[in-house]
Amino acid sequence: HDLSTSQRMRLHDRKRRNLLEYCLKLPVSMWDGARVLEFGPASGQNAAVLARWNAKLTLVEPLPYLMEELKRNFKSWDLADRIEATHIYVVENFQTDKKFDAVFAEGFIQCLDNPPAGIRKLTSFLNDEGFLVISVVELCGTFVEYIKKVYLELAINATGASDDAAKLQLAKDLFLGQFSGINHSRGFDSWALDVLLNPLYRPKNFLGLEEIMEALPENVQLYSSWPNYLNWDDLVWHKNI
């Protein structure tokens, strides 16, 4: 996300508020003073929103260059004092005796060698009333995206597109029209690189709510989800299709 201006920062803030408060029922007020552990924050755009809401952040990122970028970003956003600690670790190797009000792990759990074990480890960092916030790669929706990925790969092979720019242009030729008709929260290039051209995006990485619930310790319950799987006959998809 481009947060280079105050207007873009406010827009991203509204998107995260919509997800966390209105969709997942986690009110903004709960983050004031909350101790938050986030894995895989990348360059810090989502963590910045929690920092703006006065959360105290511990950030664990396996890629050193992204952690340096995150620190520069937080300094430029005047949010550096919201960071309590930073660590360069993968989930499997991270250890701490501290407990947190919330643990965030978005966008990567499905790529772990052992996702159930990773999920159980994430819950071990929570206090008794803490929240684990993770994203899933649900088969029923992701299968359609994966078909697009396979179709694009066939087109790349057929046309001989070899560099990233040519592959991205081919993706635009095939899917930009459909993409533009959906209420996406990010641009086409970001989506295509993250989904269609992502080498880690494979069928073995599908990870649905059922597998996650089976992996959770008995003292952890489902609080909320988006789409709202708690009411199975009243689903509303968040992109307003």
Protein backbone atom coordinates (compact mmCIF):
# COMPACT_ATOMS: atom_id res chain seq x y z
CA HIS A 1 0.00 0.00 0.00
CA ASP A 2 1.25 3.46 -0.90
CA LEU A 3 1.10 5.56 2.27
CA SER A 4 3.27 8.38 0.96
CA THR A 5 0.67 11.06 1.71
CA SER A 6 -1.57 11.78 4.68
CA GLN A 7 -4.61 11.25 2.44
CA ARG A 8 -3.44 7.75 1.47
CA MET A 9 -2.70 6.97 5.12
CA ARG A 10 -6.24 7.99 6.09
CA LEU A 11 -7.68 5.86 3.30
CA HIS A 12 -5.70 2.81 4.44
CA ASP A 13 -6.74 3.51 8.02
CA ARG A 14 -10.41 3.41 6.92
CA LYS A 15 -9.90 0.11 5.07
CA ARG A 16 -8.33 -1.52 8.12
CA ARG A 17 -11.02 -0.10 10.38
CA ASN A 18 -13.66 -1.56 8.07
CA LEU A 19 -12.02 -4.98 8.24
CA LEU A 20 -11.21 -5.09 11.95
CA GLU A 21 -14.09 -3.17 13.49
CA TYR A 22 -17.05 -3.65 11.16
CA CYS A 23 -16.25 -7.07 9.68
CA LEU A 24 -14.33 -8.82 12.48
CA LYS A 25 -16.03 -6.99 15.39
CA LEU A 26 -12.76 -5.83 16.97
CA PRO A 27 -13.47 -2.19 17.94
CA VAL A 28 -10.82 0.48 17.47
CA SER A 29 -10.99 1.31 21.18
CA MET A 30 -9.55 -2.10 22.12
CA TRP A 31 -6.19 -1.27 20.53
CA ASP A 32 -5.49 1.73 22.75
CA GLY A 33 -2.55 0.52 24.84
CA ALA A 34 -2.92 -3.07 23.63
CA ARG A 35 0.24 -5.14 23.30
CA VAL A 36 0.32 -6.59 19.79
CA LEU A 37 2.65 -9.17 18.27
CA GLU A 38 2.69 -9.19 14.47
CA PHE A 39 4.45 -11.76 12.31
CA GLY A 40 5.39 -10.88 8.74
CA PRO A 41 4.63 -7.14 8.88
CA ALA A 42 6.74 -6.56 5.72
CA SER A 43 7.27 -2.80 5.37
CA GLY A 44 4.73 -2.03 8.08
CA GLN A 45 1.63 -0.55 6.43
CA ASN A 46 -0.89 -2.60 8.42
CA ALA A 47 1.10 -2.32 11.63
CA ALA A 48 1.12 1.45 11.18
CA VAL A 49 -2.66 1.55 11.52
CA LEU A 50 -2.52 -0.24 14.87
CA ALA A 51 0.24 2.16 15.92
CA ARG A 52 -2.00 5.10 14.98
CA TRP A 53 -4.60 3.58 17.30
CA ASN A 54 -1.96 3.60 20.09
CA ALA A 55 -1.10 -0.11 20.16
CA LYS A 56 2.30 -1.21 21.47
CA LEU A 57 3.96 -3.32 18.80
CA THR A 58 6.38 -6.23 18.76
CA LEU A 59 7.22 -7.01 15.12
CA VAL A 60 8.74 -10.24 13.82
CA GLU A 61 9.89 -10.20 10.19
CA PRO A 62 12.17 -12.86 8.63
CA LEU A 63 13.59 -10.57 5.90
CA PRO A 64 16.11 -8.02 7.24
CA TYR A 65 15.71 -5.58 4.33
CA LEU A 66 11.96 -5.37 4.96
CA MET A 67 12.54 -4.72 8.65
CA GLU A 68 14.88 -1.85 7.79
CA GLU A 69 12.26 -0.46 5.42
CA LEU A 70 9.62 -0.79 8.14
CA LYS A 71 11.77 1.17 10.60
CA ARG A 72 12.33 3.94 8.06
CA ASN A 73 8.62 4.07 7.34
CA PHE A 74 7.63 4.26 10.99
CA LYS A 75 10.13 7.07 11.52
CA SER A 76 8.72 8.99 8.56
CA TRP A 77 5.17 8.46 9.86
CA ASP A 78 6.25 9.64 13.34
CA LEU A 79 5.22 6.30 14.84
CA ALA A 80 8.60 4.87 15.87
CA ASP A 81 7.80 5.21 19.58
CA ARG A 82 4.94 2.70 19.18
CA ILE A 83 7.41 -0.13 18.48
CA GLU A 84 8.45 -1.97 21.64
CA ALA A 85 10.68 -4.55 19.93
CA THR A 86 11.66 -5.94 16.52
CA HIS A 87 13.01 -9.39 15.71
CA ILE A 88 14.42 -11.09 12.59
CA TYR A 89 12.91 -14.58 12.81
CA VAL A 90 10.61 -16.99 11.04
CA VAL A 91 7.60 -18.10 13.07
CA GLU A 92 9.07 -21.52 13.81
CA ASN A 93 12.20 -20.05 15.48
CA PHE A 94 10.68 -17.19 17.45
CA GLN A 95 10.53 -17.50 21.23
CA THR A 96 9.35 -15.16 23.96
CA ASP A 97 7.98 -15.40 27.49
CA LYS A 98 5.78 -12.33 26.97
CA LYS A 99 2.03 -12.58 26.43
CA PHE A 100 0.06 -10.35 24.10
CA ASP A 101 -3.46 -8.99 23.71
CA ALA A 102 -3.40 -9.84 20.01
CA VAL A 103 -1.25 -11.76 17.55
CA PHE A 104 -1.46 -10.93 13.84
CA ALA A 105 -0.30 -13.32 11.11
CA GLU A 106 -1.76 -12.36 7.74
CA GLY A 107 -0.99 -13.80 4.34
CA PHE A 108 1.53 -16.55 5.00
CA ILE A 109 0.28 -19.25 7.38
CA GLN A 110 -0.66 -21.49 4.45
CA CYS A 111 2.98 -21.46 3.27
CA LEU A 112 4.46 -22.88 6.48
CA ASP A 113 5.79 -26.44 6.35
CA ASN A 114 3.34 -27.36 9.11
CA PRO A 115 0.47 -24.81 9.28
CA PRO A 116 -1.40 -26.52 12.18
CA ALA A 117 1.74 -26.47 14.33
CA GLY A 118 2.35 -22.85 13.38
CA ILE A 119 -1.18 -21.88 14.37
CA ARG A 120 -0.87 -23.60 17.74
CA LYS A 121 2.41 -21.79 18.35
CA LEU A 122 0.80 -18.44 17.55
CA THR A 123 -1.89 -19.04 20.18
CA SER A 124 0.80 -19.73 22.80
CA PHE A 125 1.80 -16.04 22.72
CA LEU A 126 -1.70 -14.86 23.70
CA ASN A 127 -2.92 -13.90 27.13
CA ASP A 128 -6.10 -15.57 28.42
CA GLU A 129 -8.42 -13.15 26.60
CA GLY A 130 -6.23 -12.42 23.60
CA PHE A 131 -7.15 -12.56 19.91
CA LEU A 132 -5.37 -14.36 17.07
CA VAL A 133 -5.99 -12.62 13.73
CA ILE A 134 -5.02 -14.69 10.69
CA SER A 135 -6.01 -14.98 7.05
CA VAL A 136 -7.01 -18.17 5.28
CA VAL A 137 -6.82 -19.46 1.71
CA GLU A 138 -10.27 -21.01 1.47
CA LEU A 139 -10.68 -23.64 -1.25
CA CYS A 140 -14.14 -22.51 -2.37
CA GLY A 141 -12.91 -19.04 -3.32
CA THR A 142 -9.23 -19.64 -3.99
CA PHE A 143 -9.85 -22.41 -6.51
CA VAL A 144 -11.22 -19.83 -8.95
CA GLU A 145 -8.12 -17.68 -8.48
CA TYR A 146 -5.92 -20.71 -8.98
CA ILE A 147 -7.62 -21.54 -12.29
CA LYS A 148 -6.69 -18.01 -13.42
CA LYS A 149 -3.09 -18.67 -12.35
CA VAL A 150 -2.97 -21.90 -14.40
CA TYR A 151 -4.52 -20.17 -17.41
CA LEU A 152 -1.95 -17.36 -17.19
CA GLU A 153 0.91 -19.89 -16.98
CA LEU A 154 -0.35 -21.58 -20.15
CA ALA A 155 -0.52 -18.20 -21.86
CA ILE A 156 3.02 -17.33 -20.72
CA ASN A 157 4.32 -20.58 -22.17
CA ALA A 158 2.40 -20.08 -25.42
CA THR A 159 3.59 -16.50 -25.96
CA GLY A 160 7.13 -16.91 -24.65
CA ALA A 161 6.80 -14.07 -22.13
CA SER A 162 10.04 -14.26 -20.16
CA ASP A 163 10.44 -11.20 -17.92
CA ASP A 164 8.20 -9.98 -15.12
CA ALA A 165 6.96 -6.93 -17.04
CA ALA A 166 5.81 -9.07 -19.99
CA LYS A 167 4.09 -11.55 -17.67
CA LEU A 168 2.32 -8.76 -15.83
CA GLN A 169 1.16 -7.21 -19.09
CA LEU A 170 -0.19 -10.57 -20.21
CA ALA A 171 -2.08 -10.84 -16.91
CA LYS A 172 -3.59 -7.42 -17.58
CA ASP A 173 -4.63 -8.44 -21.08
CA LEU A 174 -6.43 -11.46 -19.69
CA PHE A 175 -7.92 -10.32 -16.38
CA LEU A 176 -7.82 -6.53 -15.90
CA GLY A 177 -11.30 -6.08 -17.37
CA GLN A 178 -12.90 -8.45 -14.90
CA PHE A 179 -10.77 -7.13 -12.04
CA SER A 180 -11.89 -3.56 -12.70
CA GLY A 181 -15.52 -4.52 -12.17
CA ILE A 182 -14.94 -5.71 -8.60
CA ASN A 183 -14.61 -3.51 -5.50
CA HIS A 184 -10.97 -4.33 -4.75
CA SER A 185 -9.04 -2.63 -1.97
CA ARG A 186 -5.72 -2.74 -3.87
CA GLY A 187 -4.45 -2.28 -7.40
CA PHE A 188 -4.25 -4.88 -10.15
CA ASP A 189 -0.43 -5.08 -10.17
CA SER A 190 -0.33 -5.87 -6.44
CA TRP A 191 -3.01 -8.55 -6.79
CA ALA A 192 -1.42 -10.15 -9.85
CA LEU A 193 2.04 -10.33 -8.27
CA ASP A 194 0.62 -11.68 -5.01
CA VAL A 195 -1.69 -14.26 -6.58
CA LEU A 196 -1.21 -15.00 -10.27
CA LEU A 197 2.59 -14.73 -10.36
CA ASN A 198 3.39 -15.82 -6.81
CA PRO A 199 5.41 -19.08 -6.88
CA LEU A 200 4.17 -19.97 -3.37
CA TYR A 201 0.54 -19.86 -4.48
CA ARG A 202 -0.13 -23.59 -5.01
CA PRO A 203 -2.99 -26.03 -4.36
CA LYS A 204 -1.14 -27.53 -1.39
CA ASN A 205 -1.39 -24.09 0.26
CA PHE A 206 -5.18 -24.02 0.42
CA LEU A 207 -6.02 -23.58 4.10
CA GLY A 208 -9.66 -23.33 5.13
CA LEU A 209 -11.49 -22.56 8.32
CA GLU A 210 -12.10 -26.25 9.06
CA GLU A 211 -8.37 -27.07 9.13
CA ILE A 212 -7.69 -24.05 11.30
CA MET A 213 -10.37 -24.99 13.83
CA GLU A 214 -8.99 -28.52 14.01
CA ALA A 215 -5.51 -27.11 14.71
CA LEU A 216 -6.55 -24.79 17.54
CA PRO A 217 -6.10 -25.78 21.20
CA GLU A 218 -9.34 -26.56 23.03
CA ASN A 219 -9.28 -23.28 24.99
CA VAL A 220 -9.34 -21.20 21.76
CA GLN A 221 -12.71 -20.39 20.20
CA LEU A 222 -13.84 -18.78 16.95
CA TYR A 223 -14.82 -15.20 17.76
CA SER A 224 -15.51 -13.81 14.28
CA SER A 225 -14.68 -14.24 10.61
CA TRP A 226 -15.10 -12.44 7.31
CA PRO A 227 -17.00 -13.67 5.39
CA ASN A 228 -19.17 -14.49 8.38
CA TYR A 229 -18.99 -18.29 8.58
CA LEU A 230 -20.78 -18.28 11.94
CA ASN A 231 -24.07 -17.91 10.05
CA TRP A 232 -23.51 -20.37 7.25
CA ASP A 233 -26.70 -19.50 5.38
CA ASP A 234 -26.12 -15.72 5.45
CA LEU A 235 -22.81 -15.17 3.65
CA VAL A 236 -21.98 -11.75 2.21
CA TRP A 237 -18.77 -11.55 0.22
CA HIS A 238 -16.65 -8.51 1.08
CA LYS A 239 -15.98 -7.43 -2.53
CA ASN A 240 -19.70 -6.84 -3.18
CA ILE A 241 -19.92 -9.19 -6.17
